Amino acid sequence: KIVDQYVANKVLEAISSELTSEVMEWYSQIKTTGDPDVHFAGFDMERTKKGELKARRVQIKAKSYGKELVSAVSSLSESKLNALGLCVSIASNLKGDSPFDFLIIDDPIQSWDAEHEIQFIEVIRKVVERGKQVILMSHNQKWIDMVRSQCRTINGRLYEITGYTETGPHIGELP
């Protein structure tokens, strides 16, 4: 039991210090001025009735107008949960101990409005500036064109799936 408490405390310490602040940094860059004040507020661990930490489950906290909410999962919209998931992925991948020099982002804007979409383009640029290759996939050609336009100074390539056969997709490089 002492070992379990030690492990739980170490896990909470790790996620509540470094990861929380890094996720908050990225999350704040996706937020827009029109967002209601219901946002990610950090991580915590599930506790027993005695207040001891359980090593099994990490909780995602949320706040609204300064008040702590039951949980981010039950309080945040699909759009905000999508943004939070992306920010956790980005923060985790950018940590010094990540073995990957790339980040795959699949259809990040699926539940966002135009303002969030534009905000995220700047996030992509910052991730690339921090040394990561970004492999970005989307069905939204208009948004991909905006990414290309706003990231012209970044060396990149655009590929498009032009069809499928039994052997797999046909992929062509676009100018």
C-alpha atoms as a PDB file:
ATOM      1  CA  LYS A   1       0.000   0.000   0.000  1.00  0.00           C
ATOM      2  CA  ILE A   2       2.888   2.370   0.741  1.00  0.00           C
ATOM      3  CA  VAL A   3       4.387   1.588  -2.672  1.00  0.00           C
ATOM      4  CA  ASP A   4       1.008   2.262  -4.339  1.00  0.00           C
ATOM      5  CA  GLN A   5       0.794   5.654  -2.618  1.00  0.00           C
ATOM      6  CA  TYR A   6       4.376   6.467  -3.608  1.00  0.00           C
ATOM      7  CA  VAL A   7       3.680   5.576  -7.257  1.00  0.00           C
ATOM      8  CA  ALA A   8       0.396   7.498  -7.260  1.00  0.00           C
ATOM      9  CA  ASN A   9       2.100  10.574  -5.783  1.00  0.00           C
ATOM     10  CA  LYS A  10       4.900  10.395  -8.388  1.00  0.00           C
ATOM     11  CA  VAL A  11       2.398  10.052 -11.246  1.00  0.00           C
ATOM     12  CA  LEU A  12       0.362  12.996  -9.946  1.00  0.00           C
ATOM     13  CA  GLU A  13       3.511  15.062  -9.480  1.00  0.00           C
ATOM     14  CA  ALA A  14       4.610  14.380 -13.055  1.00  0.00           C
ATOM     15  CA  ILE A  15       1.296  15.120 -14.718  1.00  0.00           C
ATOM     16  CA  SER A  16       0.282  18.009 -12.508  1.00  0.00           C
ATOM     17  CA  SER A  17       3.487  19.985 -12.900  1.00  0.00           C
ATOM     18  CA  GLU A  18       5.150  19.715 -16.295  1.00  0.00           C
ATOM     19  CA  LEU A  19       2.430  18.223 -18.427  1.00  0.00           C
ATOM     20  CA  THR A  20      -0.350  20.421 -17.057  1.00  0.00           C
ATOM     21  CA  SER A  21       1.518  23.652 -17.704  1.00  0.00           C
ATOM     22  CA  GLU A  22       2.565  22.571 -21.202  1.00  0.00           C
ATOM     23  CA  VAL A  23      -0.955  21.436 -22.100  1.00  0.00           C
ATOM     24  CA  MET A  24      -2.323  24.728 -20.710  1.00  0.00           C
ATOM     25  CA  GLU A  25       0.177  26.665 -22.849  1.00  0.00           C
ATOM     26  CA  TRP A  26      -0.957  24.964 -26.067  1.00  0.00           C
ATOM     27  CA  TYR A  27      -4.638  25.001 -25.070  1.00  0.00           C
ATOM     28  CA  SER A  28      -4.527  28.745 -24.467  1.00  0.00           C
ATOM     29  CA  GLN A  29      -3.312  29.237 -28.037  1.00  0.00           C
ATOM     30  CA  ILE A  30      -6.365  27.491 -29.475  1.00  0.00           C
ATOM     31  CA  LYS A  31      -8.923  29.304 -27.307  1.00  0.00           C
ATOM     32  CA  THR A  32     -10.771  32.148 -28.972  1.00  0.00           C
ATOM     33  CA  THR A  33     -12.280  35.351 -27.642  1.00  0.00           C
ATOM     34  CA  GLY A  34     -15.817  34.073 -28.176  1.00  0.00           C
ATOM     35  CA  ASP A  35     -15.339  30.882 -26.155  1.00  0.00           C
ATOM     36  CA  PRO A  36     -17.499  30.515 -23.057  1.00  0.00           C
ATOM     37  CA  ASP A  37     -15.396  30.305 -19.908  1.00  0.00           C
ATOM     38  CA  VAL A  38     -15.439  26.511 -19.577  1.00  0.00           C
ATOM     39  CA  HIS A  39     -11.888  25.264 -19.902  1.00  0.00           C
ATOM     40  CA  PHE A  40      -9.301  22.643 -19.038  1.00  0.00           C
ATOM     41  CA  ALA A  41      -7.877  23.219 -15.548  1.00  0.00           C
ATOM     42  CA  GLY A  42      -5.264  20.500 -15.120  1.00  0.00           C
ATOM     43  CA  PHE A  43      -4.967  16.889 -14.093  1.00  0.00           C
ATOM     44  CA  ASP A  44      -5.613  15.111 -10.809  1.00  0.00           C
ATOM     45  CA  MET A  45      -5.761  11.568  -9.524  1.00  0.00           C
ATOM     46  CA  GLU A  46      -8.773   9.722  -8.198  1.00  0.00           C
ATOM     47  CA  ARG A  47      -8.793   9.563  -4.399  1.00  0.00           C
ATOM     48  CA  THR A  48     -10.158   7.088  -1.857  1.00  0.00           C
ATOM     49  CA  LYS A  49     -12.653   8.103   0.817  1.00  0.00           C
ATOM     50  CA  LYS A  50      -9.668   8.634   3.139  1.00  0.00           C
ATOM     51  CA  GLY A  51      -8.167  11.095   0.659  1.00  0.00           C
ATOM     52  CA  GLU A  52      -5.381   8.768  -0.463  1.00  0.00           C
ATOM     53  CA  LEU A  53      -4.483   8.779  -4.141  1.00  0.00           C
ATOM     54  CA  LYS A  54      -5.435   5.798  -6.305  1.00  0.00           C
ATOM     55  CA  ALA A  55      -2.775   4.883  -8.860  1.00  0.00           C
ATOM     56  CA  ARG A  56      -5.317   3.701 -11.413  1.00  0.00           C
ATOM     57  CA  ARG A  57      -7.028   6.740 -12.916  1.00  0.00           C
ATOM     58  CA  VAL A  58      -6.019  10.241 -13.971  1.00  0.00           C
ATOM     59  CA  GLN A  59      -8.797  12.808 -13.946  1.00  0.00           C
ATOM     60  CA  ILE A  60      -9.019  15.818 -16.244  1.00  0.00           C
ATOM     61  CA  LYS A  61     -10.230  18.913 -14.419  1.00  0.00           C
ATOM     62  CA  ALA A  62     -12.242  21.824 -15.806  1.00  0.00           C
ATOM     63  CA  LYS A  63     -13.233  25.246 -14.505  1.00  0.00           C
ATOM     64  CA  SER A  64     -15.919  27.717 -15.446  1.00  0.00           C
ATOM     65  CA  TYR A  65     -15.824  31.314 -14.247  1.00  0.00           C
ATOM     66  CA  GLY A  66     -13.427  30.358 -11.458  1.00  0.00           C
ATOM     67  CA  LYS A  67     -15.465  27.388 -10.217  1.00  0.00           C
ATOM     68  CA  GLU A  68     -14.203  23.817 -10.419  1.00  0.00           C
ATOM     69  CA  LEU A  69     -16.483  21.535 -12.429  1.00  0.00           C
ATOM     70  CA  VAL A  70     -17.111  17.831 -11.891  1.00  0.00           C
ATOM     71  CA  SER A  71     -14.899  16.795 -14.808  1.00  0.00           C
ATOM     72  CA  ALA A  72     -13.677  18.055 -18.153  1.00  0.00           C
ATOM     73  CA  VAL A  73     -15.160  15.065 -19.958  1.00  0.00           C
ATOM     74  CA  SER A  74     -18.685  15.833 -18.743  1.00  0.00           C
ATOM     75  CA  SER A  75     -18.302  19.632 -18.920  1.00  0.00           C
ATOM     76  CA  LEU A  76     -16.360  20.483 -22.061  1.00  0.00           C
ATOM     77  CA  SER A  77     -17.916  20.551 -25.508  1.00  0.00           C
ATOM     78  CA  GLU A  78     -16.789  18.174 -28.238  1.00  0.00           C
ATOM     79  CA  SER A  79     -14.777  21.028 -29.736  1.00  0.00           C
ATOM     80  CA  LYS A  80     -12.941  21.756 -26.471  1.00  0.00           C
ATOM     81  CA  LEU A  81     -12.286  18.068 -25.806  1.00  0.00           C
ATOM     82  CA  ASN A  82     -10.872  17.798 -29.317  1.00  0.00           C
ATOM     83  CA  ALA A  83      -8.608  20.794 -28.631  1.00  0.00           C
ATOM     84  CA  LEU A  84      -7.564  19.336 -25.278  1.00  0.00           C
ATOM     85  CA  GLY A  85      -6.699  15.969 -26.818  1.00  0.00           C
ATOM     86  CA  LEU A  86      -4.554  17.683 -29.444  1.00  0.00           C
ATOM     87  CA  CYS A  87      -2.807  19.750 -26.782  1.00  0.00           C
ATOM     88  CA  VAL A  88      -2.046  16.668 -24.669  1.00  0.00           C
ATOM     89  CA  SER A  89      -0.605  14.958 -27.769  1.00  0.00           C
ATOM     90  CA  ILE A  90       1.476  17.990 -28.698  1.00  0.00           C
ATOM     91  CA  ALA A  91       2.777  18.557 -25.151  1.00  0.00           C
ATOM     92  CA  SER A  92       3.645  14.873 -24.724  1.00  0.00           C
ATOM     93  CA  ASN A  93       5.363  14.680 -28.098  1.00  0.00           C
ATOM     94  CA  LEU A  94       7.440  17.820 -27.514  1.00  0.00           C
ATOM     95  CA  LYS A  95       8.822  16.576 -24.222  1.00  0.00           C
ATOM     96  CA  GLY A  96      12.555  15.996 -24.464  1.00  0.00           C
ATOM     97  CA  ASP A  97      12.274  12.244 -23.983  1.00  0.00           C
ATOM     98  CA  SER A  98       9.977  11.624 -26.978  1.00  0.00           C
ATOM     99  CA  PRO A  99      11.639   9.266 -29.478  1.00  0.00           C
ATOM    100  CA  PHE A 100       9.639  10.767 -32.347  1.00  0.00           C
ATOM    101  CA  ASP A 101      10.684  13.708 -34.512  1.00  0.00           C
ATOM    102  CA  PHE A 102       7.212  13.888 -35.999  1.00  0.00           C
ATOM    103  CA  LEU A 103       3.620  14.346 -34.938  1.00  0.00           C
ATOM    104  CA  ILE A 104       0.693  12.875 -36.892  1.00  0.00           C
ATOM    105  CA  ILE A 105      -2.459  14.963 -36.656  1.00  0.00           C
ATOM    106  CA  ASP A 106      -5.546  13.447 -38.254  1.00  0.00           C
ATOM    107  CA  ASP A 107      -8.437  15.801 -39.086  1.00  0.00           C
ATOM    108  CA  PRO A 108      -7.912  18.175 -36.132  1.00  0.00           C
ATOM    109  CA  ILE A 109     -10.605  20.682 -37.080  1.00  0.00           C
ATOM    110  CA  GLN A 110     -13.552  18.317 -37.403  1.00  0.00           C
ATOM    111  CA  SER A 111     -15.617  20.014 -34.673  1.00  0.00           C
ATOM    112  CA  TRP A 112     -14.225  23.562 -34.767  1.00  0.00           C
ATOM    113  CA  ASP A 113     -15.485  26.874 -36.053  1.00  0.00           C
ATOM    114  CA  ALA A 114     -13.446  29.056 -38.436  1.00  0.00           C
ATOM    115  CA  GLU A 115     -11.740  31.056 -35.659  1.00  0.00           C
ATOM    116  CA  HIS A 116     -10.436  27.913 -33.941  1.00  0.00           C
ATOM    117  CA  GLU A 117      -9.262  26.555 -37.286  1.00  0.00           C
ATOM    118  CA  ILE A 118      -7.176  29.687 -37.875  1.00  0.00           C
ATOM    119  CA  GLN A 119      -5.772  29.602 -34.323  1.00  0.00           C
ATOM    120  CA  PHE A 120      -4.632  26.024 -34.836  1.00  0.00           C
ATOM    121  CA  ILE A 121      -2.655  26.909 -37.960  1.00  0.00           C
ATOM    122  CA  GLU A 122      -0.407  29.062 -35.768  1.00  0.00           C
ATOM    123  CA  VAL A 123      -0.054  26.145 -33.344  1.00  0.00           C
ATOM    124  CA  ILE A 124       1.090  23.920 -36.226  1.00  0.00           C
ATOM    125  CA  ARG A 125       3.666  26.553 -37.197  1.00  0.00           C
ATOM    126  CA  LYS A 126       5.001  26.699 -33.616  1.00  0.00           C
ATOM    127  CA  VAL A 127       5.277  22.913 -33.385  1.00  0.00           C
ATOM    128  CA  VAL A 128       7.314  22.879 -36.609  1.00  0.00           C
ATOM    129  CA  GLU A 129       9.488  25.743 -35.325  1.00  0.00           C
ATOM    130  CA  ARG A 130      10.235  23.621 -32.250  1.00  0.00           C
ATOM    131  CA  GLY A 131      11.773  20.981 -34.495  1.00  0.00           C
ATOM    132  CA  LYS A 132       8.938  18.565 -35.173  1.00  0.00           C
ATOM    133  CA  GLN A 133       7.780  17.360 -38.542  1.00  0.00           C
ATOM    134  CA  VAL A 134       3.988  17.528 -38.731  1.00  0.00           C
ATOM    135  CA  ILE A 135       2.042  15.062 -40.815  1.00  0.00           C
ATOM    136  CA  LEU A 136      -1.341  16.704 -41.183  1.00  0.00           C
ATOM    137  CA  MET A 137      -4.412  14.998 -42.607  1.00  0.00           C
ATOM    138  CA  SER A 138      -7.783  16.555 -43.317  1.00  0.00           C
ATOM    139  CA  HIS A 139     -10.832  16.178 -45.532  1.00  0.00           C
ATOM    140  CA  ASN A 140     -11.270  19.960 -45.526  1.00  0.00           C
ATOM    141  CA  GLN A 141      -9.471  21.219 -48.636  1.00  0.00           C
ATOM    142  CA  LYS A 142     -10.285  24.864 -47.873  1.00  0.00           C
ATOM    143  CA  TRP A 143      -8.535  24.580 -44.505  1.00  0.00           C
ATOM    144  CA  ILE A 144      -5.558  22.731 -46.000  1.00  0.00           C
ATOM    145  CA  ASP A 145      -5.231  25.591 -48.500  1.00  0.00           C
ATOM    146  CA  MET A 146      -5.219  28.068 -45.576  1.00  0.00           C
ATOM    147  CA  VAL A 147      -2.508  26.034 -43.833  1.00  0.00           C
ATOM    148  CA  ARG A 148      -0.439  26.031 -47.018  1.00  0.00           C
ATOM    149  CA  SER A 149      -0.909  29.770 -47.460  1.00  0.00           C
ATOM    150  CA  GLN A 150      -0.065  30.694 -43.854  1.00  0.00           C
ATOM    151  CA  CYS A 151       2.857  28.273 -43.620  1.00  0.00           C
ATOM    152  CA  ARG A 152       4.540  29.075 -46.952  1.00  0.00           C
ATOM    153  CA  THR A 153       7.911  29.625 -45.273  1.00  0.00           C
ATOM    154  CA  ILE A 154       7.864  26.083 -43.893  1.00  0.00           C
ATOM    155  CA  ASN A 155       9.263  23.408 -46.172  1.00  0.00           C
ATOM    156  CA  GLY A 156       6.461  20.955 -46.817  1.00  0.00           C
ATOM    157  CA  ARG A 157       4.782  18.668 -49.283  1.00  0.00           C
ATOM    158  CA  LEU A 158       1.169  18.076 -50.154  1.00  0.00           C
ATOM    159  CA  TYR A 159      -0.141  14.656 -51.079  1.00  0.00           C
ATOM    160  CA  GLU A 160      -3.631  13.719 -52.131  1.00  0.00           C
ATOM    161  CA  ILE A 161      -5.373  10.380 -52.306  1.00  0.00           C
ATOM    162  CA  THR A 162      -6.811  10.268 -55.807  1.00  0.00           C
ATOM    163  CA  GLY A 163      -8.457   6.868 -55.682  1.00  0.00           C
ATOM    164  CA  TYR A 164      -8.409   3.355 -54.299  1.00  0.00           C
ATOM    165  CA  THR A 165      -7.922  -0.120 -55.700  1.00  0.00           C
ATOM    166  CA  GLU A 166      -7.544  -3.556 -54.207  1.00  0.00           C
ATOM    167  CA  THR A 167      -3.849  -2.871 -53.606  1.00  0.00           C
ATOM    168  CA  GLY A 168      -4.484   0.344 -51.687  1.00  0.00           C
ATOM    169  CA  PRO A 169      -4.765   4.092 -52.209  1.00  0.00           C
ATOM    170  CA  HIS A 170      -3.382   6.006 -55.174  1.00  0.00           C
ATOM    171  CA  ILE A 171      -1.388   8.898 -53.780  1.00  0.00           C
ATOM    172  CA  GLY A 172      -0.194  11.823 -55.829  1.00  0.00           C
ATOM    173  CA  GLU A 173       2.052  14.741 -54.853  1.00  0.00           C
ATOM    174  CA  LEU A 174       0.581  18.150 -55.612  1.00  0.00           C
ATOM    175  CA  PRO A 175       2.626  21.279 -56.396  1.00  0.00           C
END
